[in-house]
């Protein structure tokens, strides 16, 4: 199934832009409300463009990849030292 996000954001952009144009036509002047709707429509237009060009990421990695083996293998340098051995004071309650 294709990603519906660009379509939804595009429809929201079109609705906000048309509402702004209708507000300008009805009032006969560009008011603060019309500017606010135009600004919001720009945000939705940018989101639609970004969502349209964003590639689908693979959600489930395939089994047996080298990355999985490296994630579960813990080397000696990755282990944290014991606080008592490293010279830290152990609080006594």
Protein backbone atom coordinates (compact mmCIF):
# COMPACT_ATOMS: atom_id res chain seq x y z
CA UNK A 1 0.00 0.00 0.00
CA UNK A 2 1.30 3.42 -0.90
CA UNK A 3 2.02 5.99 1.78
CA UNK A 4 -1.17 8.12 2.24
CA UNK A 5 0.65 10.90 4.14
CA UNK A 6 1.49 13.05 1.06
CA UNK A 7 -2.11 12.88 -0.14
CA UNK A 8 -3.54 13.85 3.24
CA UNK A 9 -1.11 16.74 3.62
CA UNK A 10 -1.83 17.84 0.05
CA UNK A 11 -5.57 17.85 0.71
CA UNK A 12 -5.03 19.82 3.93
CA UNK A 13 -2.89 22.32 1.98
CA UNK A 14 -5.58 22.72 -0.67
CA UNK A 15 -8.34 23.19 1.91
CA UNK A 16 -6.40 25.83 3.87
CA UNK A 17 -5.35 27.71 0.73
CA UNK A 18 -8.91 27.72 -0.62
CA UNK A 19 -10.28 28.84 2.76
CA UNK A 20 -7.79 31.70 2.76
CA UNK A 21 -8.75 32.74 -0.77
CA UNK A 22 -12.47 32.60 0.08
CA UNK A 23 -11.84 34.70 3.19
CA UNK A 24 -9.98 37.29 1.14
CA UNK A 25 -12.76 37.40 -1.48
CA UNK A 26 -15.56 37.68 1.11
CA UNK A 27 -13.89 40.44 3.15
CA UNK A 28 -12.45 42.31 0.19
CA UNK A 29 -9.12 42.72 1.99
CA UNK A 30 -6.30 40.56 3.30
CA UNK A 31 -6.86 40.23 7.04
CA UNK A 32 -4.75 38.64 9.77
CA UNK A 33 -6.89 35.51 9.59
CA UNK A 34 -6.17 35.15 5.88
CA UNK A 35 -2.43 35.54 6.52
CA UNK A 36 -2.61 32.90 9.26
CA UNK A 37 -4.36 30.45 6.94
CA UNK A 38 -1.80 31.13 4.22
CA UNK A 39 1.05 30.49 6.67
CA UNK A 40 -0.51 27.22 7.82
CA UNK A 41 -1.09 26.13 4.23
CA UNK A 42 2.62 26.68 3.56
CA UNK A 43 3.53 24.40 6.44
CA UNK A 44 1.24 21.67 5.09
CA UNK A 45 2.63 22.14 1.57
CA UNK A 46 6.19 21.70 2.86
CA UNK A 47 5.13 18.59 4.79
CA UNK A 48 3.48 17.16 1.68
CA UNK A 49 6.61 17.72 -0.41
CA UNK A 50 8.84 16.16 2.22
CA UNK A 51 6.52 13.16 2.65
CA UNK A 52 6.27 12.70 -1.12
CA UNK A 53 10.03 12.48 -1.62
CA UNK A 54 10.72 10.43 1.52
CA UNK A 55 11.58 6.85 0.69
CA UNK A 56 9.91 3.94 2.40
CA UNK A 57 12.16 2.42 5.03
CA UNK A 58 12.26 -1.29 5.53
CA UNK A 59 10.68 -2.02 8.91
CA UNK A 60 11.72 -5.63 9.42
CA UNK A 61 15.35 -6.57 8.75
CA UNK A 62 16.01 -9.93 7.19
CA UNK A 63 17.28 -12.71 9.39
CA UNK A 64 20.96 -13.54 9.35
CA UNK A 65 22.34 -10.13 8.53
CA UNK A 66 25.83 -9.31 9.80
CA UNK A 67 24.48 -6.35 11.79
CA UNK A 68 22.42 -8.61 14.03
CA UNK A 69 25.44 -10.72 14.92
CA UNK A 70 27.47 -7.61 15.75
CA UNK A 71 24.70 -6.19 17.95
CA UNK A 72 24.57 -9.21 20.22
CA UNK A 73 28.33 -9.65 20.51
CA UNK A 74 29.74 -7.58 23.36
CA UNK A 75 33.47 -6.98 23.42
CA UNK A 76 35.64 -6.43 26.47
CA UNK A 77 35.95 -2.69 25.78
CA UNK A 78 32.15 -2.27 25.76
CA UNK A 79 31.67 -3.64 29.27
CA UNK A 80 31.41 -1.18 32.12
CA UNK A 81 33.83 -1.63 35.01
CA UNK A 82 32.62 -2.62 38.44
CA UNK A 83 32.29 0.57 40.53
CA UNK A 84 34.07 -1.01 43.50
CA UNK A 85 37.02 -2.09 41.33
CA UNK A 86 37.27 1.27 39.56
CA UNK A 87 37.66 3.18 42.83
CA UNK A 88 34.17 4.60 43.12
CA UNK A 89 32.57 4.86 46.52
CA UNK A 90 29.63 2.53 46.98
CA UNK A 91 26.89 4.28 48.97
CA UNK A 92 25.75 2.51 52.10
CA UNK A 93 22.17 3.11 53.16
